[in-house]
Amino acid sequence: MTGEPDLRVTRGNPTDEELAAVLAVVTEAAAQEAATATVDDRPVNRAWTTSRRLRRYDRRPWGGFAG
């Protein structure tokens, strides 16, 4: 750890017990958030892959219509 505190009291004079309670709550909240965090593994659609120009179309749009 560095010498810089991670938590700073800007008002009041909390007791050691009050500071310990705040740290316990913040630590538990951070642990719960980390435990439920998920990574989105879905592929990212980029503009080049969704571009209309790059889609393949059938050259016979009527599918065998011989009018």
Protein backbone atom coordinates (compact mmCIF):
# COMPACT_ATOMS: atom_id res chain seq x y z
CA MET A 1 0.00 0.00 0.00
CA THR A 2 1.02 3.55 -0.52
CA GLY A 3 1.04 6.22 2.16
CA GLU A 4 -2.11 7.80 0.69
CA PRO A 5 -5.30 6.72 2.51
CA ASP A 6 -8.06 5.02 0.53
CA LEU A 7 -10.75 6.48 2.78
CA ARG A 8 -10.78 10.02 4.09
CA VAL A 9 -13.06 11.58 6.70
CA THR A 10 -13.99 15.09 5.63
CA ARG A 11 -16.38 15.96 8.47
CA GLY A 12 -16.82 14.95 12.04
CA ASN A 13 -14.70 12.84 14.33
CA PRO A 14 -15.68 9.19 13.95
CA THR A 15 -14.55 6.70 16.54
CA ASP A 16 -12.40 3.72 15.64
CA GLU A 17 -15.50 1.50 15.90
CA GLU A 18 -17.44 3.71 13.47
CA LEU A 19 -14.57 3.68 10.98
CA ALA A 20 -14.31 -0.10 11.30
CA ALA A 21 -18.05 -0.43 10.64
CA VAL A 22 -17.86 1.75 7.53
CA LEU A 23 -14.87 -0.18 6.22
CA ALA A 24 -16.63 -3.49 6.85
CA VAL A 25 -19.72 -2.37 4.91
CA VAL A 26 -17.71 -0.97 2.00
CA THR A 27 -15.48 -4.04 1.85
CA GLU A 28 -18.47 -6.41 1.86
CA ALA A 29 -20.24 -4.39 -0.84
CA ALA A 30 -17.13 -4.50 -3.03
CA ALA A 31 -16.76 -8.25 -2.47
CA GLN A 32 -20.39 -8.88 -3.43
CA GLU A 33 -20.05 -6.78 -6.56
CA ALA A 34 -16.89 -8.63 -7.56
CA ALA A 35 -18.56 -12.00 -6.93
CA THR A 36 -21.53 -11.18 -9.16
CA ALA A 37 -19.55 -9.46 -11.92
CA THR A 38 -19.78 -11.15 -15.30
CA VAL A 39 -17.91 -10.82 -18.54
CA ASP A 40 -19.93 -10.40 -21.70
CA ASP A 41 -18.58 -13.07 -24.06
CA ARG A 42 -20.91 -12.28 -26.93
CA PRO A 43 -19.13 -11.39 -30.16
CA VAL A 44 -19.04 -7.71 -30.93
CA ASN A 45 -20.74 -6.70 -34.15
CA ARG A 46 -18.57 -4.23 -35.94
CA ALA A 47 -19.62 -1.87 -38.70
CA TRP A 48 -17.64 -3.82 -41.30
CA THR A 49 -19.42 -7.09 -40.52
CA THR A 50 -22.89 -5.59 -40.50
CA SER A 51 -22.43 -3.43 -43.56
CA ARG A 52 -25.13 -3.96 -46.17
CA ARG A 53 -22.49 -3.97 -48.91
CA LEU A 54 -20.83 -7.08 -47.52
CA ARG A 55 -23.97 -9.23 -47.36
CA ARG A 56 -24.32 -11.87 -50.03
CA TYR A 57 -27.49 -11.79 -52.05
CA ASP A 58 -28.79 -14.41 -54.40
CA ARG A 59 -28.39 -13.28 -57.98
CA ARG A 60 -31.85 -14.60 -58.75
CA PRO A 61 -34.09 -12.63 -56.40
CA TRP A 62 -37.28 -14.33 -57.65
CA GLY A 63 -35.79 -17.77 -57.06
CA GLY A 64 -36.31 -19.35 -60.45
CA PHE A 65 -39.12 -17.22 -61.77
CA ALA A 66 -38.88 -17.35 -65.52
CA GLY A 67 -41.50 -14.78 -66.52
